[in-house]
PDB file of N, CA and C in Angstrom:
ATOM      1  N   MET A   1      23.078 -11.214 -27.493  1.00  0.00           N
ATOM      2  CA  MET A   1      23.251 -10.035 -26.448  1.00  0.00           C
ATOM      3  C   MET A   1      22.039  -9.025 -26.338  1.00  0.00           C
ATOM      4  N   ARG A   2      21.844  -8.792 -25.014  1.00  0.00           N
ATOM      5  CA  ARG A   2      20.522  -8.013 -24.787  1.00  0.00           C
ATOM      6  C   ARG A   2      20.888  -6.502 -25.460  1.00  0.00           C
ATOM      7  N   TYR A   3      19.959  -5.946 -26.186  1.00  0.00           N
ATOM      8  CA  TYR A   3      19.898  -4.457 -26.718  1.00  0.00           C
ATOM      9  C   TYR A   3      20.504  -3.602 -25.973  1.00  0.00           C
ATOM     10  N   SER A   4      20.011  -3.691 -24.419  1.00  0.00           N
ATOM     11  CA  SER A   4      20.162  -2.650 -23.444  1.00  0.00           C
ATOM     12  C   SER A   4      22.054  -2.984 -23.187  1.00  0.00           C
ATOM     13  N   ILE A   5      22.381  -3.901 -23.443  1.00  0.00           N
ATOM     14  CA  ILE A   5      23.901  -3.844 -23.273  1.00  0.00           C
ATOM     15  C   ILE A   5      24.651  -3.379 -24.461  1.00  0.00           C
ATOM     16  N   ASP A   6      24.087  -3.811 -25.528  1.00  0.00           N
ATOM     17  CA  ASP A   6      24.693  -3.412 -26.868  1.00  0.00           C
ATOM     18  C   ASP A   6      24.453  -1.762 -27.059  1.00  0.00           C
ATOM     19  N   ALA A   7      23.270  -0.935 -26.837  1.00  0.00           N
ATOM     20  CA  ALA A   7      22.891   0.232 -26.869  1.00  0.00           C
ATOM     21  C   ALA A   7      22.388   0.958 -25.600  1.00  0.00           C
ATOM     22  N   PRO A   8      23.206   1.243 -24.718  1.00  0.00           N
ATOM     23  CA  PRO A   8      22.778   1.685 -23.280  1.00  0.00           C
ATOM     24  C   PRO A   8      22.068   3.151 -23.589  1.00  0.00           C
ATOM     25  N   ARG A   9      22.715   3.814 -24.298  1.00  0.00           N
ATOM     26  CA  ARG A   9      22.128   5.267 -24.316  1.00  0.00           C
ATOM     27  C   ARG A   9      20.839   5.307 -24.786  1.00  0.00           C
ATOM     28  N   SER A  10      20.237   4.461 -25.586  1.00  0.00           N
ATOM     29  CA  SER A  10      19.038   4.352 -26.113  1.00  0.00           C
ATOM     30  C   SER A  10      17.900   4.078 -25.082  1.00  0.00           C
ATOM     31  N   TYR A  11      18.267   3.344 -23.880  1.00  0.00           N
ATOM     32  CA  TYR A  11      17.489   2.630 -22.743  1.00  0.00           C
ATOM     33  C   TYR A  11      17.565   3.937 -21.780  1.00  0.00           C
ATOM     34  N   VAL A  12      18.716   4.357 -21.549  1.00  0.00           N
ATOM     35  CA  VAL A  12      18.864   5.699 -20.660  1.00  0.00           C
ATOM     36  C   VAL A  12      17.990   6.682 -20.940  1.00  0.00           C
ATOM     37  N   GLU A  13      17.911   6.837 -22.508  1.00  0.00           N
ATOM     38  CA  GLU A  13      17.017   8.345 -22.896  1.00  0.00           C
ATOM     39  C   GLU A  13      15.724   8.059 -22.593  1.00  0.00           C
ATOM     40  N   ALA A  14      15.251   6.601 -23.181  1.00  0.00           N
ATOM     41  CA  ALA A  14      13.905   6.333 -23.293  1.00  0.00           C
ATOM     42  C   ALA A  14      13.425   6.153 -21.732  1.00  0.00           C
ATOM     43  N   ASN A  15      14.298   5.887 -20.503  1.00  0.00           N
ATOM     44  CA  ASN A  15      13.598   5.635 -19.256  1.00  0.00           C
ATOM     45  C   ASN A  15      13.624   7.227 -18.573  1.00  0.00           C
ATOM     46  N   LEU A  16      14.690   8.007 -19.122  1.00  0.00           N
ATOM     47  CA  LEU A  16      14.822   9.193 -18.374  1.00  0.00           C
ATOM     48  C   LEU A  16      13.817   9.916 -19.063  1.00  0.00           C
ATOM     49  N   ILE A  17      13.873  10.376 -20.227  1.00  0.00           N
ATOM     50  CA  ILE A  17      12.971  10.898 -20.784  1.00  0.00           C
ATOM     51  C   ILE A  17      11.252  10.700 -20.532  1.00  0.00           C
ATOM     52  N   GLY A  18      11.186   9.499 -20.713  1.00  0.00           N
ATOM     53  CA  GLY A  18       9.900   8.684 -20.533  1.00  0.00           C
ATOM     54  C   GLY A  18       9.421   8.888 -19.068  1.00  0.00           C
ATOM     55  N   THR A  19      10.240   9.180 -18.153  1.00  0.00           N
ATOM     56  CA  THR A  19       9.735   9.006 -16.482  1.00  0.00           C
ATOM     57  C   THR A  19       9.822  10.644 -16.496  1.00  0.00           C
ATOM     58  N   PHE A  20      10.480  11.428 -16.781  1.00  0.00           N
ATOM     59  CA  PHE A  20      10.255  12.786 -16.848  1.00  0.00           C
ATOM     60  C   PHE A  20       8.808  13.413 -17.392  1.00  0.00           C
ATOM     61  N   ASN A  21       8.486  12.923 -18.762  1.00  0.00           N
ATOM     62  CA  ASN A  21       7.196  12.929 -19.274  1.00  0.00           C
ATOM     63  C   ASN A  21       5.791  12.688 -18.718  1.00  0.00           C
ATOM     64  N   LEU A  22       6.031  11.455 -18.066  1.00  0.00           N
ATOM     65  CA  LEU A  22       5.214  11.034 -17.172  1.00  0.00           C
ATOM     66  C   LEU A  22       4.762  11.862 -15.888  1.00  0.00           C
ATOM     67  N   LEU A  23       5.961  12.426 -15.253  1.00  0.00           N
ATOM     68  CA  LEU A  23       5.781  13.102 -14.104  1.00  0.00           C
ATOM     69  C   LEU A  23       5.372  14.422 -14.425  1.00  0.00           C
ATOM     70  N   GLU A  24       5.601  14.804 -15.332  1.00  0.00           N
ATOM     71  CA  GLU A  24       5.398  16.385 -15.824  1.00  0.00           C
ATOM     72  C   GLU A  24       3.697  16.021 -16.403  1.00  0.00           C
ATOM     73  N   ALA A  25       3.588  15.173 -17.073  1.00  0.00           N
ATOM     74  CA  ALA A  25       1.829  15.038 -17.222  1.00  0.00           C
ATOM     75  C   ALA A  25       1.020  14.859 -15.884  1.00  0.00           C
ATOM     76  N   VAL A  26       1.549  13.949 -14.945  1.00  0.00           N
ATOM     77  CA  VAL A  26       0.725  13.955 -13.585  1.00  0.00           C
ATOM     78  C   VAL A  26       0.924  15.166 -12.654  1.00  0.00           C
ATOM     79  N   ARG A  27       1.836  15.888 -12.860  1.00  0.00           N
ATOM     80  CA  ARG A  27       1.876  17.392 -12.216  1.00  0.00           C
ATOM     81  C   ARG A  27       0.693  18.044 -12.943  1.00  0.00           C
ATOM     82  N   ALA A  28       0.985  18.270 -14.264  1.00  0.00           N
ATOM     83  CA  ALA A  28      -0.408  19.226 -15.301  1.00  0.00           C
ATOM     84  C   ALA A  28      -1.745  18.890 -14.906  1.00  0.00           C
ATOM     85  N   THR A  29      -1.839  16.996 -14.597  1.00  0.00           N
ATOM     86  CA  THR A  29      -3.260  16.422 -14.283  1.00  0.00           C
ATOM     87  C   THR A  29      -3.187  15.703 -13.233  1.00  0.00           C
ATOM     88  N   PRO A  30      -2.916  16.343 -12.004  1.00  0.00           N
ATOM     89  CA  PRO A  30      -2.838  15.561 -10.563  1.00  0.00           C
ATOM     90  C   PRO A  30      -3.841  14.257 -10.645  1.00  0.00           C
ATOM     91  N   CYS A  31      -3.016  13.218 -10.047  1.00  0.00           N
ATOM     92  CA  CYS A  31      -3.856  11.888  -9.932  1.00  0.00           C
ATOM     93  C   CYS A  31      -3.929  11.507  -8.406  1.00  0.00           C
ATOM     94  N   THR A  32      -4.804  10.661  -7.937  1.00  0.00           N
ATOM     95  CA  THR A  32      -4.727  10.138  -6.529  1.00  0.00           C
ATOM     96  C   THR A  32      -3.657   9.275  -6.530  1.00  0.00           C
ATOM     97  N   HIS A  33      -3.222   8.402  -7.268  1.00  0.00           N
ATOM     98  CA  HIS A  33      -2.200   7.269  -7.040  1.00  0.00           C
ATOM     99  C   HIS A  33      -0.991   7.073  -8.201  1.00  0.00           C
ATOM    100  N   LEU A  34      -0.170   7.007  -8.075  1.00  0.00           N
ATOM    101  CA  LEU A  34       0.997   6.787  -9.000  1.00  0.00           C
ATOM    102  C   LEU A  34       1.897   5.641  -8.338  1.00  0.00           C
ATOM    103  N   LEU A  35       2.120   4.716  -9.644  1.00  0.00           N
ATOM    104  CA  LEU A  35       2.794   3.365  -9.189  1.00  0.00           C
ATOM    105  C   LEU A  35       4.007   3.379 -10.249  1.00  0.00           C
ATOM    106  N   MET A  36       5.058   3.286  -9.748  1.00  0.00           N
ATOM    107  CA  MET A  36       6.344   3.299 -10.937  1.00  0.00           C
ATOM    108  C   MET A  36       6.981   1.688 -10.298  1.00  0.00           C
ATOM    109  N   ALA A  37       7.508   1.302 -11.314  1.00  0.00           N
ATOM    110  CA  ALA A  37       8.154  -0.067 -10.733  1.00  0.00           C
ATOM    111  C   ALA A  37       9.386  -0.486 -11.959  1.00  0.00           C
ATOM    112  N   SER A  38      10.327  -1.090 -11.553  1.00  0.00           N
ATOM    113  CA  SER A  38      11.000  -1.583 -12.299  1.00  0.00           C
ATOM    114  C   SER A  38      11.711  -2.883 -12.209  1.00  0.00           C
ATOM    115  N   THR A  39      12.424  -3.412 -12.990  1.00  0.00           N
ATOM    116  CA  THR A  39      12.887  -5.057 -12.606  1.00  0.00           C
ATOM    117  C   THR A  39      14.197  -4.719 -12.024  1.00  0.00           C
ATOM    118  N   SER A  40      14.640  -5.960 -11.655  1.00  0.00           N
ATOM    119  CA  SER A  40      15.804  -6.014 -10.904  1.00  0.00           C
ATOM    120  C   SER A  40      17.109  -5.948 -11.837  1.00  0.00           C
ATOM    121  N   SER A  41      16.918  -6.358 -13.092  1.00  0.00           N
ATOM    122  CA  SER A  41      18.177  -6.288 -14.111  1.00  0.00           C
ATOM    123  C   SER A  41      18.462  -4.693 -14.104  1.00  0.00           C
ATOM    124  N   VAL A  42      17.476  -3.804 -14.057  1.00  0.00           N
ATOM    125  CA  VAL A  42      18.119  -2.544 -14.148  1.00  0.00           C
ATOM    126  C   VAL A  42      19.190  -1.935 -12.884  1.00  0.00           C
ATOM    127  N   TYR A  43      18.994  -2.632 -11.777  1.00  0.00           N
ATOM    128  CA  TYR A  43      19.660  -2.568 -10.944  1.00  0.00           C
ATOM    129  C   TYR A  43      21.256  -3.179 -11.021  1.00  0.00           C
ATOM    130  N   GLY A  44      21.175  -4.601 -11.491  1.00  0.00           N
ATOM    131  CA  GLY A  44      22.123  -5.313 -11.602  1.00  0.00           C
ATOM    132  C   GLY A  44      22.051  -6.512 -10.504  1.00  0.00           C
ATOM    133  N   ALA A  45      21.057  -6.766 -10.132  1.00  0.00           N
ATOM    134  CA  ALA A  45      20.565  -7.824  -9.429  1.00  0.00           C
ATOM    135  C   ALA A  45      20.848  -9.122 -10.033  1.00  0.00           C
ATOM    136  N   ASN A  46      20.342  -9.233 -11.227  1.00  0.00           N
ATOM    137  CA  ASN A  46      20.711 -10.519 -12.202  1.00  0.00           C
ATOM    138  C   ASN A  46      21.661 -10.632 -12.658  1.00  0.00           C
ATOM    139  N   THR A  47      22.568 -11.564 -12.188  1.00  0.00           N
ATOM    140  CA  THR A  47      23.862 -11.644 -12.380  1.00  0.00           C
ATOM    141  C   THR A  47      24.305 -13.031 -13.635  1.00  0.00           C
ATOM    142  N   ASP A  48      23.176 -13.464 -13.787  1.00  0.00           N
ATOM    143  CA  ASP A  48      23.284 -14.573 -14.845  1.00  0.00           C
ATOM    144  C   ASP A  48      23.097 -13.879 -16.488  1.00  0.00           C
ATOM    145  N   MET A  49      24.250 -14.402 -17.286  1.00  0.00           N
ATOM    146  CA  MET A  49      24.558 -13.955 -18.465  1.00  0.00           C
ATOM    147  C   MET A  49      24.569 -14.822 -19.557  1.00  0.00           C
ATOM    148  N   PRO A  50      23.926 -14.982 -20.642  1.00  0.00           N
ATOM    149  CA  PRO A  50      22.882 -13.731 -21.065  1.00  0.00           C
ATOM    150  C   PRO A  50      21.785 -13.978 -19.880  1.00  0.00           C
ATOM    151  N   TYR A  51      20.857 -12.684 -19.646  1.00  0.00           N
ATOM    152  CA  TYR A  51      19.945 -12.514 -18.614  1.00  0.00           C
ATOM    153  C   TYR A  51      18.799 -14.167 -18.889  1.00  0.00           C
ATOM    154  N   ALA A  52      18.429 -14.695 -17.706  1.00  0.00           N
ATOM    155  CA  ALA A  52      17.416 -15.444 -17.689  1.00  0.00           C
ATOM    156  C   ALA A  52      15.952 -15.089 -17.689  1.00  0.00           C
TER     157      ALA A  52
END
């Protein structure tokens, strides 16, 4: 079983807090470009179980 399914809170905390920290760092030290991306698994597009 994927760890994200077994322990979803740890992923939520890591993703939300990590994204927040990154955005705060960019606000403190502006940059020209910022690209943020995610995988389709986050949004549930991958229906194959276990994930391929």
